[in-house]
């Protein structure tokens, strides 16, 4: 299947909406499923980011050398450059406080998302996610004292915030 930039862009928006919805539903309706409610949120939010970055890359080339590595896809996408260009069209200089603040938030979000998300999480149980978070030191062992749902909920929330920042930046700069 040949995905065009707009296809990736629309998928990014869809996946982000789905991740937000799943997070809200988990908090509201899954009270009895304490350890089984956030894994798909984690995967969907990261996938939304991957789709947005691919949309920007696909505008320039058909080749993705980074596959599912969000840090590398972020660099390849040049989303930060696109954000600066977009803000420049609104009259902001590259060194203005508005641009610096926007880029700072974008870089921080990209770091959070890349630190938490892995493409193979689509195969992972909640237990595997927790184990991977511990192995990669995304969470510390002492932070894992509570229920698995608390650890997953916190990481899902952080990932949603970061993904939301990237998706919003991608939408704003899309022209």
N, C-alpha and C. Protein backbone atom coordinates (compact mmCIF):
# COMPACT_ATOMS: atom_id res chain seq x y z
N UNK A 1 0.84 -1.17 0.00
CA UNK A 1 0.00 0.00 0.00
C UNK A 1 0.89 1.24 0.00
N UNK A 2 0.57 2.17 -0.84
CA UNK A 2 1.36 3.38 -0.97
C UNK A 2 0.68 4.52 -0.20
N UNK A 3 1.23 4.87 0.95
CA UNK A 3 0.67 5.93 1.78
C UNK A 3 1.23 7.28 1.34
N UNK A 4 0.35 8.21 1.14
CA UNK A 4 0.73 9.57 0.81
C UNK A 4 0.88 10.38 2.10
N UNK A 5 1.53 11.55 2.04
CA UNK A 5 1.69 12.35 3.25
C UNK A 5 0.38 12.62 3.98
N UNK A 6 -0.65 12.96 3.23
CA UNK A 6 -1.96 13.26 3.85
C UNK A 6 -2.53 12.03 4.55
N UNK A 7 -2.26 10.83 4.03
CA UNK A 7 -2.73 9.60 4.68
C UNK A 7 -2.09 9.45 6.06
N UNK A 8 -0.79 9.67 6.14
CA UNK A 8 -0.09 9.61 7.43
C UNK A 8 -0.60 10.71 8.36
N UNK A 9 -0.79 11.90 7.82
CA UNK A 9 -1.27 13.02 8.61
C UNK A 9 -2.64 12.71 9.24
N UNK A 10 -3.55 12.21 8.42
CA UNK A 10 -4.88 11.87 8.92
C UNK A 10 -4.83 10.73 9.93
N UNK A 11 -3.97 9.76 9.68
CA UNK A 11 -3.81 8.64 10.62
C UNK A 11 -3.27 9.15 11.96
N UNK A 12 -2.35 10.11 11.92
CA UNK A 12 -1.80 10.68 13.15
C UNK A 12 -2.91 11.29 14.00
N UNK A 13 -3.77 12.04 13.35
CA UNK A 13 -4.89 12.67 14.05
C UNK A 13 -5.84 11.62 14.62
N UNK A 14 -6.16 10.62 13.80
CA UNK A 14 -7.05 9.54 14.25
C UNK A 14 -6.46 8.79 15.45
N UNK A 15 -5.17 8.40 15.35
CA UNK A 15 -4.54 7.64 16.44
C UNK A 15 -4.46 8.46 17.74
N UNK A 16 -4.22 9.75 17.60
CA UNK A 16 -4.15 10.60 18.79
C UNK A 16 -5.53 10.70 19.43
N UNK A 17 -6.57 10.90 18.62
CA UNK A 17 -7.93 10.95 19.15
C UNK A 17 -8.28 9.63 19.85
N UNK A 18 -7.88 8.52 19.24
CA UNK A 18 -8.17 7.21 19.83
C UNK A 18 -7.42 7.01 21.14
N UNK A 19 -6.16 7.43 21.19
CA UNK A 19 -5.38 7.31 22.43
C UNK A 19 -6.02 8.13 23.54
N UNK A 20 -6.43 9.36 23.23
CA UNK A 20 -7.10 10.20 24.22
C UNK A 20 -8.38 9.56 24.72
N UNK A 21 -9.16 9.03 23.78
CA UNK A 21 -10.42 8.39 24.14
C UNK A 21 -10.18 7.16 25.01
N UNK A 22 -9.25 6.33 24.61
CA UNK A 22 -8.94 5.13 25.40
C UNK A 22 -8.48 5.49 26.81
N UNK A 23 -7.68 6.52 26.94
CA UNK A 23 -7.22 6.96 28.26
C UNK A 23 -8.41 7.41 29.11
N UNK A 24 -9.29 8.19 28.52
CA UNK A 24 -10.48 8.66 29.26
C UNK A 24 -11.38 7.50 29.65
N UNK A 25 -11.61 6.58 28.72
CA UNK A 25 -12.46 5.43 29.01
C UNK A 25 -11.85 4.53 30.08
N UNK A 26 -10.56 4.35 30.03
CA UNK A 26 -9.90 3.52 31.03
C UNK A 26 -10.10 4.10 32.42
N UNK A 27 -9.95 5.38 32.54
CA UNK A 27 -10.10 6.02 33.85
C UNK A 27 -11.55 5.96 34.33
N UNK A 28 -12.50 6.05 33.40
CA UNK A 28 -13.90 6.13 33.79
C UNK A 28 -14.58 4.77 33.95
N UNK A 29 -14.28 3.82 33.04
CA UNK A 29 -15.07 2.59 33.00
C UNK A 29 -14.35 1.31 33.40
N UNK A 30 -13.08 1.33 33.55
CA UNK A 30 -12.34 0.09 33.80
C UNK A 30 -11.86 -0.02 35.23
N UNK A 31 -12.67 0.42 36.17
CA UNK A 31 -12.25 0.43 37.57
C UNK A 31 -11.85 -0.96 38.07
N UNK A 32 -12.48 -2.02 37.58
CA UNK A 32 -12.16 -3.36 38.04
C UNK A 32 -10.99 -4.01 37.31
N UNK A 33 -10.46 -3.35 36.31
CA UNK A 33 -9.38 -3.93 35.52
C UNK A 33 -8.09 -3.14 35.76
N UNK A 34 -7.70 -3.03 37.00
CA UNK A 34 -6.62 -2.14 37.40
C UNK A 34 -5.32 -2.35 36.63
N UNK A 35 -5.03 -3.56 36.24
CA UNK A 35 -3.74 -3.79 35.57
C UNK A 35 -3.88 -3.99 34.07
N UNK A 36 -5.03 -3.68 33.50
CA UNK A 36 -5.23 -3.94 32.08
C UNK A 36 -5.92 -2.80 31.37
N UNK A 37 -5.39 -1.58 31.50
CA UNK A 37 -6.13 -0.51 30.89
C UNK A 37 -5.33 0.52 30.11
N UNK A 38 -4.04 0.50 30.17
CA UNK A 38 -3.29 1.59 29.55
C UNK A 38 -2.31 1.16 28.46
N UNK A 39 -2.11 -0.11 28.26
CA UNK A 39 -1.11 -0.56 27.28
C UNK A 39 -1.45 -0.09 25.87
N UNK A 40 -2.70 -0.17 25.49
CA UNK A 40 -3.07 0.25 24.14
C UNK A 40 -3.01 1.76 23.98
N UNK A 41 -3.23 2.49 25.07
CA UNK A 41 -3.07 3.95 25.04
C UNK A 41 -1.61 4.28 24.71
N UNK A 42 -0.69 3.60 25.37
CA UNK A 42 0.74 3.82 25.14
C UNK A 42 1.07 3.57 23.68
N UNK A 43 0.62 2.45 23.16
CA UNK A 43 0.94 2.13 21.77
C UNK A 43 0.32 3.14 20.80
N UNK A 44 -0.95 3.47 20.98
CA UNK A 44 -1.65 4.36 20.05
C UNK A 44 -1.06 5.77 20.04
N UNK A 45 -0.68 6.28 21.19
CA UNK A 45 -0.11 7.63 21.26
C UNK A 45 1.24 7.67 20.52
N UNK A 46 2.06 6.67 20.73
CA UNK A 46 3.35 6.62 20.03
C UNK A 46 3.16 6.45 18.53
N UNK A 47 2.18 5.65 18.15
CA UNK A 47 1.90 5.45 16.73
C UNK A 47 1.42 6.75 16.09
N UNK A 48 0.65 7.54 16.82
CA UNK A 48 0.21 8.84 16.30
C UNK A 48 1.42 9.71 15.96
N UNK A 49 2.40 9.72 16.84
CA UNK A 49 3.61 10.50 16.60
C UNK A 49 4.36 9.96 15.39
N UNK A 50 4.51 8.64 15.32
CA UNK A 50 5.20 8.06 14.17
C UNK A 50 4.50 8.46 12.87
N UNK A 51 3.18 8.42 12.85
CA UNK A 51 2.44 8.80 11.65
C UNK A 51 2.69 10.26 11.27
N UNK A 52 2.67 11.16 12.26
CA UNK A 52 2.89 12.58 11.95
C UNK A 52 4.30 12.80 11.40
N UNK A 53 5.28 12.17 12.01
CA UNK A 53 6.65 12.33 11.53
C UNK A 53 6.81 11.76 10.13
N UNK A 54 6.18 10.63 9.87
CA UNK A 54 6.23 10.03 8.54
C UNK A 54 5.53 10.93 7.52
N UNK A 55 4.48 11.60 7.92
CA UNK A 55 3.79 12.51 7.00
C UNK A 55 4.75 13.59 6.52
N UNK A 56 5.51 14.14 7.44
CA UNK A 56 6.46 15.18 7.06
C UNK A 56 7.61 14.62 6.22
N UNK A 57 8.10 13.46 6.57
CA UNK A 57 9.18 12.84 5.78
C UNK A 57 8.68 12.51 4.38
N UNK A 58 7.49 11.97 4.30
CA UNK A 58 6.92 11.52 3.02
C UNK A 58 6.69 12.68 2.06
N UNK A 59 6.58 13.89 2.57
CA UNK A 59 6.44 15.05 1.70
C UNK A 59 7.71 15.29 0.87
N UNK A 60 8.84 14.77 1.36
CA UNK A 60 10.13 15.01 0.72
C UNK A 60 10.65 13.76 0.00
N UNK A 61 10.41 12.59 0.59
CA UNK A 61 10.98 11.35 0.04
C UNK A 61 10.07 10.17 0.33
N UNK A 62 10.28 9.09 -0.41
CA UNK A 62 9.56 7.84 -0.17
C UNK A 62 10.32 6.91 0.76
N UNK A 63 11.51 7.31 1.15
CA UNK A 63 12.38 6.43 1.93
C UNK A 63 12.39 6.82 3.40
N UNK A 64 12.27 5.80 4.24
CA UNK A 64 12.35 5.98 5.69
C UNK A 64 13.53 5.16 6.18
N UNK A 65 14.62 5.80 6.47
CA UNK A 65 15.79 5.04 6.93
C UNK A 65 15.68 4.68 8.40
N UNK A 66 14.77 5.29 9.13
CA UNK A 66 14.71 5.09 10.57
C UNK A 66 13.69 4.05 11.01
N UNK A 67 12.88 3.61 10.13
CA UNK A 67 11.81 2.66 10.45
C UNK A 67 10.97 3.18 11.61
N UNK A 68 11.06 2.57 12.80
CA UNK A 68 10.19 2.95 13.91
C UNK A 68 10.92 3.67 15.03
N UNK A 69 12.10 4.16 14.79
CA UNK A 69 12.88 4.87 15.80
C UNK A 69 12.42 6.33 15.82
N UNK A 70 11.65 6.70 16.83
CA UNK A 70 11.05 8.03 16.85
C UNK A 70 12.08 9.15 16.95
N UNK A 71 13.18 8.92 17.63
CA UNK A 71 14.22 9.96 17.70
C UNK A 71 14.77 10.26 16.32
N UNK A 72 15.06 9.22 15.58
CA UNK A 72 15.60 9.41 14.23
C UNK A 72 14.54 9.94 13.27
N UNK A 73 13.31 9.45 13.40
CA UNK A 73 12.23 9.97 12.56
C UNK A 73 12.00 11.45 12.82
N UNK A 74 12.12 11.87 14.08
CA UNK A 74 11.95 13.28 14.41
C UNK A 74 12.99 14.12 13.66
N UNK A 75 14.22 13.67 13.68
CA UNK A 75 15.29 14.40 12.98
C UNK A 75 15.01 14.40 11.48
N UNK A 76 14.69 13.24 10.92
CA UNK A 76 14.42 13.15 9.48
C UNK A 76 13.23 14.00 9.05
N UNK A 77 12.24 14.11 9.91
CA UNK A 77 11.01 14.84 9.56
C UNK A 77 11.24 16.34 9.44
N UNK A 78 12.25 16.83 10.15
CA UNK A 78 12.53 18.27 10.20
C UNK A 78 11.31 19.04 10.68
N UNK A 79 10.53 18.42 11.57
CA UNK A 79 9.35 19.08 12.10
C UNK A 79 9.73 20.37 12.81
N UNK A 80 10.85 20.37 13.51
CA UNK A 80 11.27 21.60 14.19
C UNK A 80 11.50 22.73 13.18
N UNK A 81 12.10 22.43 12.07
CA UNK A 81 12.32 23.43 11.02
C UNK A 81 11.00 23.92 10.46
N UNK A 82 10.07 23.01 10.28
CA UNK A 82 8.75 23.38 9.75
C UNK A 82 8.02 24.29 10.74
N UNK A 83 8.17 24.02 12.03
CA UNK A 83 7.54 24.86 13.04
C UNK A 83 8.13 26.27 12.99
N UNK A 84 9.46 26.37 12.88
CA UNK A 84 10.11 27.68 12.79
C UNK A 84 9.63 28.41 11.53
N UNK A 85 9.55 27.72 10.40
CA UNK A 85 9.08 28.34 9.17
C UNK A 85 7.64 28.84 9.32
N UNK A 86 6.81 28.01 9.94
CA UNK A 86 5.40 28.39 10.15
C UNK A 86 5.30 29.64 11.03
N UNK A 87 6.06 29.65 12.12
CA UNK A 87 6.04 30.81 13.00
C UNK A 87 6.64 32.04 12.32
N UNK A 88 7.63 31.81 11.45
CA UNK A 88 8.21 32.92 10.68
C UNK A 88 7.16 33.58 9.80
N UNK A 89 6.28 32.78 9.21
CA UNK A 89 5.21 33.33 8.38
C UNK A 89 4.22 34.16 9.20
N UNK A 90 4.20 33.90 10.51
CA UNK A 90 3.34 34.68 11.40
C UNK A 90 4.06 35.91 11.95
N UNK A 91 5.30 36.12 11.51
CA UNK A 91 6.03 37.31 11.91
C UNK A 91 7.02 37.15 13.05
N UNK A 92 7.25 35.90 13.49
CA UNK A 92 8.19 35.67 14.59
C UNK A 92 9.58 35.35 14.04
N UNK A 93 10.59 36.02 14.55
CA UNK A 93 11.97 35.72 14.20
C UNK A 93 12.38 34.41 14.84
N UNK A 94 13.36 33.73 14.25
CA UNK A 94 13.81 32.43 14.74
C UNK A 94 14.26 32.46 16.20
N UNK A 95 14.82 33.57 16.65
CA UNK A 95 15.30 33.66 18.03
C UNK A 95 14.31 34.28 18.99
N UNK A 96 13.09 34.55 18.53
CA UNK A 96 12.11 35.20 19.39
C UNK A 96 11.70 34.27 20.53
N UNK A 97 11.26 34.84 21.65
CA UNK A 97 10.83 34.00 22.79
C UNK A 97 9.73 33.01 22.42
N UNK A 98 8.83 33.40 21.53
CA UNK A 98 7.74 32.49 21.13
C UNK A 98 8.31 31.26 20.43
N UNK A 99 9.24 31.47 19.50
CA UNK A 99 9.83 30.36 18.76
C UNK A 99 10.67 29.49 19.69
N UNK A 100 11.47 30.11 20.53
CA UNK A 100 12.32 29.36 21.46
C UNK A 100 11.47 28.51 22.40
N UNK A 101 10.40 29.10 22.92
CA UNK A 101 9.53 28.36 23.83
C UNK A 101 8.84 27.19 23.12
N UNK A 102 8.37 27.44 21.90
CA UNK A 102 7.69 26.38 21.13
C UNK A 102 8.64 25.23 20.82
N UNK A 103 9.87 25.56 20.42
CA UNK A 103 10.86 24.53 20.12
C UNK A 103 11.28 23.78 21.38
N UNK A 104 11.41 24.48 22.48
CA UNK A 104 11.77 23.83 23.74
C UNK A 104 10.72 22.79 24.12
N UNK A 105 9.45 23.18 24.00
CA UNK A 105 8.37 22.22 24.30
C UNK A 105 8.37 21.05 23.31
N UNK A 106 8.62 21.35 22.04
CA UNK A 106 8.63 20.30 21.02
C UNK A 106 9.77 19.31 21.26
N UNK A 107 10.97 19.81 21.54
CA UNK A 107 12.12 18.92 21.80
C UNK A 107 11.89 18.09 23.07
N UNK A 108 11.34 18.71 24.10
CA UNK A 108 11.06 17.97 25.33
C UNK A 108 10.04 16.86 25.07
N UNK A 109 9.00 17.19 24.32
CA UNK A 109 7.97 16.20 23.99
C UNK A 109 8.55 15.05 23.18
N UNK A 110 9.38 15.38 22.19
CA UNK A 110 10.01 14.34 21.37
C UNK A 110 10.87 13.42 22.23
N UNK A 111 11.57 14.00 23.20
CA UNK A 111 12.39 13.19 24.09
C UNK A 111 11.57 12.25 24.96
N UNK A 112 10.48 12.74 25.49
CA UNK A 112 9.60 11.92 26.33
C UNK A 112 9.01 10.77 25.52
N UNK A 113 8.48 11.10 24.36
CA UNK A 113 7.83 10.07 23.53
C UNK A 113 8.85 9.02 23.10
N UNK A 114 10.01 9.45 22.67
CA UNK A 114 11.03 8.49 22.23
C UNK A 114 11.54 7.63 23.39
N UNK A 115 11.56 8.20 24.59
CA UNK A 115 12.03 7.45 25.76
C UNK A 115 11.02 6.37 26.17
N UNK A 116 9.74 6.68 26.06
CA UNK A 116 8.71 5.74 26.54
C UNK A 116 8.32 4.72 25.48
N UNK A 117 8.09 5.12 24.24
CA UNK A 117 7.42 4.28 23.25
C UNK A 117 8.36 3.37 22.47
N UNK A 118 7.87 2.19 22.17
CA UNK A 118 8.54 1.24 21.27
C UNK A 118 7.48 0.64 20.35
N UNK A 119 7.85 0.46 19.09
CA UNK A 119 6.91 -0.07 18.11
C UNK A 119 6.41 -1.47 18.48
N UNK A 120 7.25 -2.28 19.05
CA UNK A 120 6.82 -3.65 19.34
C UNK A 120 5.88 -3.75 20.54
N UNK A 121 5.49 -2.63 21.13
CA UNK A 121 4.52 -2.66 22.23
C UNK A 121 3.16 -3.16 21.78
N UNK A 122 2.93 -3.20 20.49
CA UNK A 122 1.64 -3.73 20.02
C UNK A 122 1.49 -5.20 20.37
N UNK A 123 2.60 -5.87 20.67
CA UNK A 123 2.58 -7.28 21.05
C UNK A 123 2.66 -7.49 22.56
N UNK A 124 2.83 -6.42 23.33
CA UNK A 124 3.18 -6.54 24.75
C UNK A 124 1.97 -6.56 25.66
N UNK A 125 2.04 -7.43 26.64
CA UNK A 125 1.08 -7.39 27.74
C UNK A 125 1.48 -6.26 28.68
N UNK A 126 0.61 -5.96 29.62
CA UNK A 126 0.94 -4.92 30.61
C UNK A 126 2.19 -5.29 31.38
N UNK A 127 2.31 -6.57 31.73
CA UNK A 127 3.49 -7.02 32.47
C UNK A 127 4.77 -6.82 31.68
N UNK A 128 4.71 -7.09 30.39
CA UNK A 128 5.89 -6.89 29.54
C UNK A 128 6.23 -5.39 29.46
N UNK A 129 5.21 -4.54 29.36
CA UNK A 129 5.47 -3.10 29.34
C UNK A 129 6.17 -2.65 30.62
N UNK A 130 5.66 -3.08 31.75
CA UNK A 130 6.29 -2.71 33.03
C UNK A 130 7.72 -3.20 33.08
N UNK A 131 7.93 -4.44 32.69
CA UNK A 131 9.29 -5.02 32.70
C UNK A 131 10.22 -4.22 31.78
N UNK A 132 9.73 -3.86 30.60
CA UNK A 132 10.55 -3.09 29.68
C UNK A 132 10.83 -1.70 30.23
N UNK A 133 9.84 -1.07 30.83
CA UNK A 133 10.06 0.25 31.45
C UNK A 133 11.14 0.16 32.52
N UNK A 134 11.14 -0.91 33.29
CA UNK A 134 12.16 -1.09 34.33
C UNK A 134 13.53 -1.38 33.71
N UNK A 135 13.56 -2.29 32.74
CA UNK A 135 14.84 -2.65 32.10
C UNK A 135 15.50 -1.45 31.42
N UNK A 136 14.71 -0.62 30.78
CA UNK A 136 15.26 0.55 30.09
C UNK A 136 15.35 1.77 31.00
N UNK A 137 14.97 1.59 32.26
CA UNK A 137 15.02 2.65 33.26
C UNK A 137 14.12 3.84 32.92
N UNK A 138 13.00 3.55 32.25
CA UNK A 138 11.97 4.55 32.03
C UNK A 138 11.33 4.87 33.38
N UNK A 139 11.13 3.83 34.18
CA UNK A 139 10.71 3.99 35.57
C UNK A 139 11.74 3.29 36.44
N UNK A 140 11.89 3.79 37.64
CA UNK A 140 12.82 3.17 38.59
C UNK A 140 12.09 2.09 39.37
N UNK A 141 12.82 1.11 39.85
CA UNK A 141 12.22 0.01 40.59
C UNK A 141 11.43 0.53 41.79
N UNK A 142 11.94 1.54 42.45
CA UNK A 142 11.21 2.05 43.62
C UNK A 142 9.90 2.71 43.23
N UNK A 143 9.78 3.18 41.99
CA UNK A 143 8.53 3.77 41.51
C UNK A 143 7.51 2.70 41.14
N UNK A 144 7.93 1.46 41.13
CA UNK A 144 7.08 0.34 40.73
C UNK A 144 6.45 -0.33 41.94
N UNK A 145 6.44 0.31 43.08
CA UNK A 145 5.90 -0.29 44.29
C UNK A 145 4.38 -0.39 44.25
N UNK A 146 3.72 0.54 43.55
CA UNK A 146 2.27 0.54 43.48
C UNK A 146 1.75 -0.47 42.49
N UNK A 147 0.47 -0.38 42.23
CA UNK A 147 -0.16 -1.27 41.26
C UNK A 147 0.39 -1.00 39.87
N UNK A 148 0.38 -2.05 39.05
CA UNK A 148 0.85 -1.89 37.67
C UNK A 148 0.08 -0.78 36.96
N UNK A 149 -1.22 -0.69 37.25
CA UNK A 149 -2.04 0.32 36.59
C UNK A 149 -1.54 1.72 36.87
N UNK A 150 -1.04 1.96 38.08
CA UNK A 150 -0.52 3.30 38.41
C UNK A 150 0.70 3.62 37.58
N UNK A 151 1.59 2.66 37.44
CA UNK A 151 2.80 2.87 36.64
C UNK A 151 2.43 3.08 35.18
N UNK A 152 1.57 2.23 34.65
CA UNK A 152 1.15 2.36 33.25
C UNK A 152 0.37 3.65 33.02
N UNK A 153 -0.50 3.99 33.97
CA UNK A 153 -1.28 5.22 33.83
C UNK A 153 -0.36 6.44 33.76
N UNK A 154 0.64 6.48 34.63
CA UNK A 154 1.56 7.62 34.65
C UNK A 154 2.33 7.72 33.33
N UNK A 155 2.85 6.60 32.83
CA UNK A 155 3.60 6.62 31.57
C UNK A 155 2.68 6.95 30.40
N UNK A 156 1.45 6.42 30.43
CA UNK A 156 0.49 6.74 29.37
C UNK A 156 0.17 8.23 29.38
N UNK A 157 0.01 8.79 30.56
CA UNK A 157 -0.29 10.22 30.68
C UNK A 157 0.87 11.06 30.14
N UNK A 158 2.09 10.73 30.53
CA UNK A 158 3.26 11.45 30.03
C UNK A 158 3.37 11.34 28.51
N UNK A 159 3.14 10.15 28.01
CA UNK A 159 3.21 9.92 26.57
C UNK A 159 2.12 10.70 25.84
N UNK A 160 0.91 10.72 26.40
CA UNK A 160 -0.18 11.49 25.78
C UNK A 160 0.15 12.98 25.73
N UNK A 161 0.72 13.50 26.80
CA UNK A 161 1.10 14.92 26.81
C UNK A 161 2.14 15.21 25.73
N UNK A 162 3.17 14.37 25.67
CA UNK A 162 4.22 14.56 24.67
C UNK A 162 3.69 14.39 23.26
N UNK A 163 2.92 13.35 23.04
CA UNK A 163 2.36 13.10 21.72
C UNK A 163 1.44 14.24 21.31
N UNK A 164 0.64 14.72 22.24
CA UNK A 164 -0.26 15.83 21.95
C UNK A 164 0.49 17.07 21.50
N UNK A 165 1.61 17.34 22.13
CA UNK A 165 2.44 18.49 21.75
C UNK A 165 2.97 18.34 20.33
N UNK A 166 3.45 17.15 20.00
CA UNK A 166 3.99 16.90 18.66
C UNK A 166 2.90 16.94 17.60
N UNK A 167 1.77 16.32 17.88
CA UNK A 167 0.66 16.31 16.92
C UNK A 167 0.16 17.74 16.69
N UNK A 168 0.01 18.51 17.76
CA UNK A 168 -0.45 19.90 17.62
C UNK A 168 0.55 20.70 16.77
N UNK A 169 1.83 20.55 17.05
CA UNK A 169 2.85 21.26 16.27
C UNK A 169 2.79 20.85 14.81
N UNK A 170 2.62 19.56 14.57
CA UNK A 170 2.53 19.06 13.20
C UNK A 170 1.32 19.61 12.46
N UNK A 171 0.19 19.69 13.15
CA UNK A 171 -1.01 20.23 12.53
C UNK A 171 -0.86 21.71 12.23
N UNK A 172 -0.30 22.45 13.17
CA UNK A 172 -0.14 23.90 12.99
C UNK A 172 0.79 24.23 11.82
N UNK A 173 1.84 23.43 11.65
CA UNK A 173 2.83 23.72 10.63
C UNK A 173 2.47 23.12 9.27
N UNK A 174 1.44 22.31 9.20
CA UNK A 174 1.04 21.63 7.96
C UNK A 174 0.43 22.63 6.99
N UNK A 175 1.06 22.83 5.88
CA UNK A 175 0.49 23.75 4.89
C UNK A 175 0.65 23.17 3.50
